[in-house]
């Protein structure tokens, strides 16, 4: 089981590396485009790093559903547990 608080901290570090900063007051409910000002290139960069760091893959349909910080955290958690289940089988 992934610690969500640690996961949030790691995700914000990835976002900060891409954007150069993370605006104060960012929460799991923060919208990636509106609150963080991320454009499509930023999204691709951040998601690529997430996929590499957590050894997961997201489909285009899954990527299109990512609107908030929480959406990314949920996807990492889901994909990580999906990978663990597949390895155990």
PDB file of N, CA and C in Angstrom:
ATOM      1  N   UNK A   1       0.846  -1.197   0.000  1.00  0.00           N
ATOM      2  CA  UNK A   1       0.000   0.000   0.000  1.00  0.00           C
ATOM      3  C   UNK A   1       0.880   1.245   0.000  1.00  0.00           C
ATOM      4  N   UNK A   2       0.557   2.160  -0.871  1.00  0.00           N
ATOM      5  CA  UNK A   2       1.322   3.391  -1.016  1.00  0.00           C
ATOM      6  C   UNK A   2       0.791   4.438  -0.044  1.00  0.00           C
ATOM      7  N   UNK A   3       1.697   5.093   0.674  1.00  0.00           N
ATOM      8  CA  UNK A   3       1.344   6.164   1.589  1.00  0.00           C
ATOM      9  C   UNK A   3       0.959   7.388   0.766  1.00  0.00           C
ATOM     10  N   UNK A   4      -0.303   7.789   0.862  1.00  0.00           N
ATOM     11  CA  UNK A   4      -0.824   8.876   0.014  1.00  0.00           C
ATOM     12  C   UNK A   4      -0.124  10.211   0.281  1.00  0.00           C
ATOM     13  N   UNK A   5       0.199  10.500   1.523  1.00  0.00           N
ATOM     14  CA  UNK A   5       0.880  11.767   1.838  1.00  0.00           C
ATOM     15  C   UNK A   5       2.267  11.807   1.201  1.00  0.00           C
ATOM     16  N   UNK A   6       2.977  10.697   1.249  1.00  0.00           N
ATOM     17  CA  UNK A   6       4.302  10.622   0.628  1.00  0.00           C
ATOM     18  C   UNK A   6       4.178  10.716  -0.890  1.00  0.00           C
ATOM     19  N   UNK A   7       3.160  10.069  -1.421  1.00  0.00           N
ATOM     20  CA  UNK A   7       2.896  10.107  -2.855  1.00  0.00           C
ATOM     21  C   UNK A   7       2.601  11.534  -3.310  1.00  0.00           C
ATOM     22  N   UNK A   8       1.802  12.262  -2.540  1.00  0.00           N
ATOM     23  CA  UNK A   8       1.492  13.661  -2.860  1.00  0.00           C
ATOM     24  C   UNK A   8       2.766  14.495  -2.867  1.00  0.00           C
ATOM     25  N   UNK A   9       3.615  14.295  -1.875  1.00  0.00           N
ATOM     26  CA  UNK A   9       4.867  15.049  -1.791  1.00  0.00           C
ATOM     27  C   UNK A   9       5.748  14.772  -3.013  1.00  0.00           C
ATOM     28  N   UNK A  10       5.837  13.498  -3.416  1.00  0.00           N
ATOM     29  CA  UNK A  10       6.633  13.136  -4.590  1.00  0.00           C
ATOM     30  C   UNK A  10       6.040  13.731  -5.870  1.00  0.00           C
ATOM     31  N   UNK A  11       4.724  13.674  -5.994  1.00  0.00           N
ATOM     32  CA  UNK A  11       4.066  14.233  -7.172  1.00  0.00           C
ATOM     33  C   UNK A  11       4.285  15.741  -7.259  1.00  0.00           C
ATOM     34  N   UNK A  12       4.154  16.439  -6.145  1.00  0.00           N
ATOM     35  CA  UNK A  12       4.380  17.887  -6.147  1.00  0.00           C
ATOM     36  C   UNK A  12       5.825  18.223  -6.510  1.00  0.00           C
ATOM     37  N   UNK A  13       6.775  17.360  -6.113  1.00  0.00           N
ATOM     38  CA  UNK A  13       8.178  17.564  -6.492  1.00  0.00           C
ATOM     39  C   UNK A  13       8.361  17.410  -8.000  1.00  0.00           C
ATOM     40  N   UNK A  14       7.670  16.426  -8.591  1.00  0.00           N
ATOM     41  CA  UNK A  14       7.724  16.236 -10.045  1.00  0.00           C
ATOM     42  C   UNK A  14       7.134  17.455 -10.747  1.00  0.00           C
ATOM     43  N   UNK A  15       5.997  17.920 -10.260  1.00  0.00           N
ATOM     44  CA  UNK A  15       5.349  19.102 -10.857  1.00  0.00           C
ATOM     45  C   UNK A  15       6.251  20.322 -10.719  1.00  0.00           C
ATOM     46  N   UNK A  16       6.860  20.489  -9.555  1.00  0.00           N
ATOM     47  CA  UNK A  16       7.751  21.629  -9.334  1.00  0.00           C
ATOM     48  C   UNK A  16       8.952  21.582 -10.271  1.00  0.00           C
ATOM     49  N   UNK A  17       9.503  20.386 -10.488  1.00  0.00           N
ATOM     50  CA  UNK A  17      10.622  20.251 -11.430  1.00  0.00           C
ATOM     51  C   UNK A  17      10.220  20.719 -12.828  1.00  0.00           C
ATOM     52  N   UNK A  18       8.988  20.400 -13.221  1.00  0.00           N
ATOM     53  CA  UNK A  18       8.528  20.777 -14.551  1.00  0.00           C
ATOM     54  C   UNK A  18       8.182  22.260 -14.641  1.00  0.00           C
ATOM     55  N   UNK A  19       7.425  22.760 -13.675  1.00  0.00           N
ATOM     56  CA  UNK A  19       6.947  24.143 -13.726  1.00  0.00           C
ATOM     57  C   UNK A  19       7.941  25.156 -13.167  1.00  0.00           C
ATOM     58  N   UNK A  20       8.898  24.684 -12.368  1.00  0.00           N
ATOM     59  CA  UNK A  20       9.840  25.587 -11.722  1.00  0.00           C
ATOM     60  C   UNK A  20       9.356  26.062 -10.369  1.00  0.00           C
ATOM     61  N   UNK A  21       8.082  25.824 -10.073  1.00  0.00           N
ATOM     62  CA  UNK A  21       7.484  26.210  -8.799  1.00  0.00           C
ATOM     63  C   UNK A  21       6.148  25.498  -8.646  1.00  0.00           C
ATOM     64  N   UNK A  22       5.671  25.440  -7.428  1.00  0.00           N
ATOM     65  CA  UNK A  22       4.312  24.962  -7.172  1.00  0.00           C
ATOM     66  C   UNK A  22       3.618  26.052  -6.375  1.00  0.00           C
ATOM     67  N   UNK A  23       2.521  26.579  -6.893  1.00  0.00           N
ATOM     68  CA  UNK A  23       1.819  27.646  -6.173  1.00  0.00           C
ATOM     69  C   UNK A  23       1.424  27.207  -4.758  1.00  0.00           C
ATOM     70  N   UNK A  24       1.449  28.138  -3.837  1.00  0.00           N
ATOM     71  CA  UNK A  24       1.064  27.846  -2.449  1.00  0.00           C
ATOM     72  C   UNK A  24      -0.399  27.433  -2.397  1.00  0.00           C
ATOM     73  N   UNK A  25      -0.715  26.598  -1.439  1.00  0.00           N
ATOM     74  CA  UNK A  25      -2.099  26.217  -1.205  1.00  0.00           C
ATOM     75  C   UNK A  25      -2.614  25.109  -2.113  1.00  0.00           C
ATOM     76  N   UNK A  26      -1.723  24.410  -2.806  1.00  0.00           N
ATOM     77  CA  UNK A  26      -2.146  23.324  -3.679  1.00  0.00           C
ATOM     78  C   UNK A  26      -2.574  22.136  -2.824  1.00  0.00           C
ATOM     79  N   UNK A  27      -3.742  21.607  -3.137  1.00  0.00           N
ATOM     80  CA  UNK A  27      -4.282  20.445  -2.430  1.00  0.00           C
ATOM     81  C   UNK A  27      -4.603  19.362  -3.458  1.00  0.00           C
ATOM     82  N   UNK A  28      -5.071  18.229  -2.970  1.00  0.00           N
ATOM     83  CA  UNK A  28      -5.460  17.146  -3.864  1.00  0.00           C
ATOM     84  C   UNK A  28      -6.597  17.576  -4.797  1.00  0.00           C
ATOM     85  N   UNK A  29      -7.422  18.501  -4.354  1.00  0.00           N
ATOM     86  CA  UNK A  29      -8.558  18.959  -5.159  1.00  0.00           C
ATOM     87  C   UNK A  29      -8.171  19.989  -6.221  1.00  0.00           C
ATOM     88  N   UNK A  30      -6.930  20.456  -6.193  1.00  0.00           N
ATOM     89  CA  UNK A  30      -6.496  21.491  -7.131  1.00  0.00           C
ATOM     90  C   UNK A  30      -6.543  21.004  -8.568  1.00  0.00           C
ATOM     91  N   UNK A  31      -7.094  21.847  -9.442  1.00  0.00           N
ATOM     92  CA  UNK A  31      -7.181  21.536 -10.859  1.00  0.00           C
ATOM     93  C   UNK A  31      -5.813  21.755 -11.503  1.00  0.00           C
ATOM     94  N   UNK A  32      -5.381  20.780 -12.294  1.00  0.00           N
ATOM     95  CA  UNK A  32      -4.048  20.837 -12.894  1.00  0.00           C
ATOM     96  C   UNK A  32      -3.882  22.018 -13.839  1.00  0.00           C
ATOM     97  N   UNK A  33      -4.890  22.300 -14.614  1.00  0.00           N
ATOM     98  CA  UNK A  33      -4.790  23.391 -15.588  1.00  0.00           C
ATOM     99  C   UNK A  33      -5.091  24.752 -14.953  1.00  0.00           C
ATOM    100  N   UNK A  34      -6.160  24.833 -14.182  1.00  0.00           N
ATOM    101  CA  UNK A  34      -6.582  26.117 -13.620  1.00  0.00           C
ATOM    102  C   UNK A  34      -5.732  26.545 -12.422  1.00  0.00           C
ATOM    103  N   UNK A  35      -5.514  25.641 -11.470  1.00  0.00           N
ATOM    104  CA  UNK A  35      -4.765  25.997 -10.262  1.00  0.00           C
ATOM    105  C   UNK A  35      -3.264  26.024 -10.481  1.00  0.00           C
ATOM    106  N   UNK A  36      -2.779  25.077 -11.292  1.00  0.00           N
ATOM    107  CA  UNK A  36      -1.338  24.969 -11.502  1.00  0.00           C
ATOM    108  C   UNK A  36      -0.872  25.588 -12.815  1.00  0.00           C
ATOM    109  N   UNK A  37      -1.810  25.902 -13.694  1.00  0.00           N
ATOM    110  CA  UNK A  37      -1.456  26.509 -14.969  1.00  0.00           C
ATOM    111  C   UNK A  37      -0.743  25.562 -15.922  1.00  0.00           C
ATOM    112  N   UNK A  38      -0.974  24.262 -15.761  1.00  0.00           N
ATOM    113  CA  UNK A  38      -0.316  23.288 -16.620  1.00  0.00           C
ATOM    114  C   UNK A  38      -0.981  23.258 -17.997  1.00  0.00           C
ATOM    115  N   UNK A  39      -0.142  23.244 -19.049  1.00  0.00           N
ATOM    116  CA  UNK A  39      -0.670  23.083 -20.403  1.00  0.00           C
ATOM    117  C   UNK A  39      -0.458  21.633 -20.830  1.00  0.00           C
ATOM    118  N   UNK A  40      -0.794  21.310 -22.054  1.00  0.00           N
ATOM    119  CA  UNK A  40      -0.715  19.918 -22.514  1.00  0.00           C
ATOM    120  C   UNK A  40       0.724  19.393 -22.499  1.00  0.00           C
ATOM    121  N   UNK A  41       1.685  20.232 -22.796  1.00  0.00           N
ATOM    122  CA  UNK A  41       3.092  19.810 -22.770  1.00  0.00           C
ATOM    123  C   UNK A  41       3.518  19.498 -21.329  1.00  0.00           C
ATOM    124  N   UNK A  42       3.120  20.359 -20.384  1.00  0.00           N
ATOM    125  CA  UNK A  42       3.419  20.108 -18.978  1.00  0.00           C
ATOM    126  C   UNK A  42       2.803  18.781 -18.528  1.00  0.00           C
ATOM    127  N   UNK A  43       1.567  18.535 -18.941  1.00  0.00           N
ATOM    128  CA  UNK A  43       0.880  17.294 -18.564  1.00  0.00           C
ATOM    129  C   UNK A  43       1.641  16.070 -19.067  1.00  0.00           C
ATOM    130  N   UNK A  44       2.054  16.112 -20.321  1.00  0.00           N
ATOM    131  CA  UNK A  44       2.793  14.989 -20.903  1.00  0.00           C
ATOM    132  C   UNK A  44       4.101  14.772 -20.150  1.00  0.00           C
ATOM    133  N   UNK A  45       4.800  15.848 -19.854  1.00  0.00           N
ATOM    134  CA  UNK A  45       6.077  15.756 -19.145  1.00  0.00           C
ATOM    135  C   UNK A  45       5.884  15.155 -17.753  1.00  0.00           C
ATOM    136  N   UNK A  46       4.915  15.671 -17.016  1.00  0.00           N
ATOM    137  CA  UNK A  46       4.663  15.188 -15.655  1.00  0.00           C
ATOM    138  C   UNK A  46       4.213  13.730 -15.674  1.00  0.00           C
ATOM    139  N   UNK A  47       3.295  13.391 -16.562  1.00  0.00           N
ATOM    140  CA  UNK A  47       2.797  12.021 -16.623  1.00  0.00           C
ATOM    141  C   UNK A  47       3.897  11.056 -17.052  1.00  0.00           C
ATOM    142  N   UNK A  48       4.757  11.469 -17.963  1.00  0.00           N
ATOM    143  CA  UNK A  48       5.888  10.620 -18.361  1.00  0.00           C
ATOM    144  C   UNK A  48       6.794  10.322 -17.175  1.00  0.00           C
ATOM    145  N   UNK A  49       7.067  11.340 -16.374  1.00  0.00           N
ATOM    146  CA  UNK A  49       7.892  11.139 -15.167  1.00  0.00           C
ATOM    147  C   UNK A  49       7.190  10.228 -14.168  1.00  0.00           C
ATOM    148  N   UNK A  50       5.884  10.416 -13.997  1.00  0.00           N
ATOM    149  CA  UNK A  50       5.109   9.559 -13.090  1.00  0.00           C
ATOM    150  C   UNK A  50       5.180   8.113 -13.562  1.00  0.00           C
ATOM    151  N   UNK A  51       4.979   7.900 -14.864  1.00  0.00           N
ATOM    152  CA  UNK A  51       5.028   6.540 -15.408  1.00  0.00           C
ATOM    153  C   UNK A  51       6.398   5.908 -15.187  1.00  0.00           C
ATOM    154  N   UNK A  52       7.457   6.664 -15.382  1.00  0.00           N
ATOM    155  CA  UNK A  52       8.815   6.153 -15.169  1.00  0.00           C
ATOM    156  C   UNK A  52       9.079   5.859 -13.696  1.00  0.00           C
ATOM    157  N   UNK A  53       8.722   6.797 -12.837  1.00  0.00           N
ATOM    158  CA  UNK A  53       9.002   6.651 -11.404  1.00  0.00           C
ATOM    159  C   UNK A  53       8.255   5.482 -10.774  1.00  0.00           C
ATOM    160  N   UNK A  54       7.017   5.270 -11.214  1.00  0.00           N
ATOM    161  CA  UNK A  54       6.181   4.245 -10.577  1.00  0.00           C
ATOM    162  C   UNK A  54       5.997   3.000 -11.445  1.00  0.00           C
ATOM    163  N   UNK A  55       6.685   2.986 -12.586  1.00  0.00           N
ATOM    164  CA  UNK A  55       6.653   1.831 -13.503  1.00  0.00           C
ATOM    165  C   UNK A  55       5.222   1.422 -13.845  1.00  0.00           C
ATOM    166  N   UNK A  56       4.483   2.423 -14.286  1.00  0.00           N
ATOM    167  CA  UNK A  56       3.094   2.212 -14.697  1.00  0.00           C
ATOM    168  C   UNK A  56       2.922   2.771 -16.103  1.00  0.00           C
ATOM    169  N   UNK A  57       1.839   2.392 -16.759  1.00  0.00           N
ATOM    170  CA  UNK A  57       1.486   2.937 -18.063  1.00  0.00           C
ATOM    171  C   UNK A  57       0.033   3.382 -18.012  1.00  0.00           C
ATOM    172  N   UNK A  58      -0.240   4.521 -18.603  1.00  0.00           N
ATOM    173  CA  UNK A  58      -1.606   5.027 -18.672  1.00  0.00           C
ATOM    174  C   UNK A  58      -2.037   5.112 -20.129  1.00  0.00           C
ATOM    175  N   UNK A  59      -3.265   4.728 -20.386  1.00  0.00           N
ATOM    176  CA  UNK A  59      -3.812   4.826 -21.737  1.00  0.00           C
ATOM    177  C   UNK A  59      -4.197   6.277 -22.031  1.00  0.00           C
ATOM    178  N   UNK A  60      -4.436   6.553 -23.301  1.00  0.00           N
ATOM    179  CA  UNK A  60      -4.870   7.903 -23.679  1.00  0.00           C
ATOM    180  C   UNK A  60      -6.208   8.247 -23.027  1.00  0.00           C
ATOM    181  N   UNK A  61      -7.082   7.250 -22.898  1.00  0.00           N
ATOM    182  CA  UNK A  61      -8.384   7.467 -22.256  1.00  0.00           C
ATOM    183  C   UNK A  61      -8.201   7.830 -20.774  1.00  0.00           C
ATOM    184  N   UNK A  62      -7.269   7.148 -20.109  1.00  0.00           N
ATOM    185  CA  UNK A  62      -6.996   7.457 -18.697  1.00  0.00           C
ATOM    186  C   UNK A  62      -6.388   8.841 -18.555  1.00  0.00           C
ATOM    187  N   UNK A  63      -5.488   9.192 -19.449  1.00  0.00           N
ATOM    188  CA  UNK A  63      -4.860  10.516 -19.404  1.00  0.00           C
ATOM    189  C   UNK A  63      -5.886  11.626 -19.564  1.00  0.00           C
ATOM    190  N   UNK A  64      -6.851  11.401 -20.423  1.00  0.00           N
ATOM    191  CA  UNK A  64      -7.876  12.419 -20.682  1.00  0.00           C
ATOM    192  C   UNK A  64      -8.739  12.695 -19.459  1.00  0.00           C
ATOM    193  N   UNK A  65      -8.803  11.753 -18.530  1.00  0.00           N
ATOM    194  CA  UNK A  65      -9.622  11.902 -17.327  1.00  0.00           C
ATOM    195  C   UNK A  65      -8.904  12.633 -16.194  1.00  0.00           C
ATOM    196  N   UNK A  66      -7.614  12.876 -16.330  1.00  0.00           N
ATOM    197  CA  UNK A  66      -6.843  13.509 -15.262  1.00  0.00           C
ATOM    198  C   UNK A  66      -7.081  15.014 -15.240  1.00  0.00           C
ATOM    199  N   UNK A  67      -7.787  15.463 -14.217  1.00  0.00           N
ATOM    200  CA  UNK A  67      -8.086  16.893 -14.093  1.00  0.00           C
ATOM    201  C   UNK A  67      -7.522  17.513 -12.824  1.00  0.00           C
ATOM    202  N   UNK A  68      -7.382  16.708 -11.768  1.00  0.00           N
ATOM    203  CA  UNK A  68      -6.918  17.231 -10.481  1.00  0.00           C
ATOM    204  C   UNK A  68      -5.690  16.467  -9.996  1.00  0.00           C
ATOM    205  N   UNK A  69      -5.045  17.011  -8.998  1.00  0.00           N
ATOM    206  CA  UNK A  69      -3.919  16.334  -8.356  1.00  0.00           C
ATOM    207  C   UNK A  69      -4.391  14.974  -7.832  1.00  0.00           C
ATOM    208  N   UNK A  70      -5.565  14.937  -7.243  1.00  0.00           N
ATOM    209  CA  UNK A  70      -6.124  13.698  -6.722  1.00  0.00           C
ATOM    210  C   UNK A  70      -6.310  12.647  -7.812  1.00  0.00           C
ATOM    211  N   UNK A  71      -6.708  13.067  -9.005  1.00  0.00           N
ATOM    212  CA  UNK A  71      -6.872  12.128 -10.116  1.00  0.00           C
ATOM    213  C   UNK A  71      -5.561  11.408 -10.417  1.00  0.00           C
ATOM    214  N   UNK A  72      -4.454  12.141 -10.405  1.00  0.00           N
ATOM    215  CA  UNK A  72      -3.151  11.518 -10.662  1.00  0.00           C
ATOM    216  C   UNK A  72      -2.800  10.560  -9.523  1.00  0.00           C
ATOM    217  N   UNK A  73      -3.015  10.996  -8.284  1.00  0.00           N
ATOM    218  CA  UNK A  73      -2.716  10.130  -7.137  1.00  0.00           C
ATOM    219  C   UNK A  73      -3.540   8.846  -7.195  1.00  0.00           C
ATOM    220  N   UNK A  74      -4.825   8.981  -7.513  1.00  0.00           N
ATOM    221  CA  UNK A  74      -5.695   7.803  -7.621  1.00  0.00           C
ATOM    222  C   UNK A  74      -5.204   6.863  -8.719  1.00  0.00           C
ATOM    223  N   UNK A  75      -4.782   7.425  -9.849  1.00  0.00           N
ATOM    224  CA  UNK A  75      -4.315   6.611 -10.962  1.00  0.00           C
ATOM    225  C   UNK A  75      -3.021   5.879 -10.592  1.00  0.00           C
ATOM    226  N   UNK A  76      -2.105   6.558  -9.914  1.00  0.00           N
ATOM    227  CA  UNK A  76      -0.861   5.909  -9.472  1.00  0.00           C
ATOM    228  C   UNK A  76      -1.194   4.754  -8.531  1.00  0.00           C
ATOM    229  N   UNK A  77      -2.069   5.005  -7.583  1.00  0.00           N
ATOM    230  CA  UNK A  77      -2.453   3.972  -6.617  1.00  0.00           C
ATOM    231  C   UNK A  77      -3.106   2.790  -7.321  1.00  0.00           C
ATOM    232  N   UNK A  78      -4.036   3.076  -8.220  1.00  0.00           N
ATOM    233  CA  UNK A  78      -4.734   2.012  -8.944  1.00  0.00           C
ATOM    234  C   UNK A  78      -3.769   1.203  -9.807  1.00  0.00           C
ATOM    235  N   UNK A  79      -2.947   1.890 -10.589  1.00  0.00           N
ATOM    236  CA  UNK A  79      -2.022   1.205 -11.494  1.00  0.00           C
ATOM    237  C   UNK A  79      -0.956   0.427 -10.734  1.00  0.00           C
ATOM    238  N   UNK A  80      -0.487   0.981  -9.612  1.00  0.00           N
ATOM    239  CA  UNK A  80       0.514   0.287  -8.809  1.00  0.00           C
ATOM    240  C   UNK A  80      -0.044  -0.993  -8.211  1.00  0.00           C
ATOM    241  N   UNK A  81      -1.285  -0.921  -7.720  1.00  0.00           N
ATOM    242  CA  UNK A  81      -1.900  -2.123  -7.144  1.00  0.00           C
ATOM    243  C   UNK A  81      -2.232  -3.126  -8.243  1.00  0.00           C
ATOM    244  N   UNK A  82      -2.588  -2.634  -9.428  1.00  0.00           N
ATOM    245  CA  UNK A  82      -2.851  -3.502 -10.577  1.00  0.00           C
ATOM    246  C   UNK A  82      -1.569  -4.253 -10.971  1.00  0.00           C
ATOM    247  N   UNK A  83      -0.429  -3.550 -10.959  1.00  0.00           N
ATOM    248  CA  UNK A  83       0.866  -4.189 -11.270  1.00  0.00           C
ATOM    249  C   UNK A  83       1.244  -5.210 -10.218  1.00  0.00           C
ATOM    250  N   UNK A  84       0.996  -4.891  -8.944  1.00  0.00           N
ATOM    251  CA  UNK A  84       1.316  -5.820  -7.864  1.00  0.00           C
ATOM    252  C   UNK A  84       0.485  -7.092  -7.966  1.00  0.00           C
ATOM    253  N   UNK A  85      -0.776  -6.936  -8.330  1.00  0.00           N
ATOM    254  CA  UNK A  85      -1.663  -8.085  -8.491  1.00  0.00           C
ATOM    255  C   UNK A  85      -1.204  -8.959  -9.659  1.00  0.00           C
ATOM    256  N   UNK A  86      -0.810  -8.323 -10.742  1.00  0.00           N
ATOM    257  CA  UNK A  86      -0.352  -9.069 -11.918  1.00  0.00           C
ATOM    258  C   UNK A  86       0.939  -9.831 -11.619  1.00  0.00           C
ATOM    259  N   UNK A  87       1.837  -9.239 -10.849  1.00  0.00           N
ATOM    260  CA  UNK A  87       3.093  -9.903 -10.488  1.00  0.00           C
ATOM    261  C   UNK A  87       2.849 -11.074  -9.546  1.00  0.00           C
ATOM    262  N   UNK A  88       1.849 -10.939  -8.673  1.00  0.00           N
ATOM    263  CA  UNK A  88       1.545 -12.002  -7.704  1.00  0.00           C
ATOM    264  C   UNK A  88       0.888 -13.208  -8.367  1.00  0.00           C
ATOM    265  N   UNK A  89       0.235 -12.981  -9.503  1.00  0.00           N
ATOM    266  CA  UNK A  89      -0.490 -14.063 -10.176  1.00  0.00           C
ATOM    267  C   UNK A  89       0.403 -14.998 -10.940  1.00  0.00           C
TER     268      UNK A  89
END
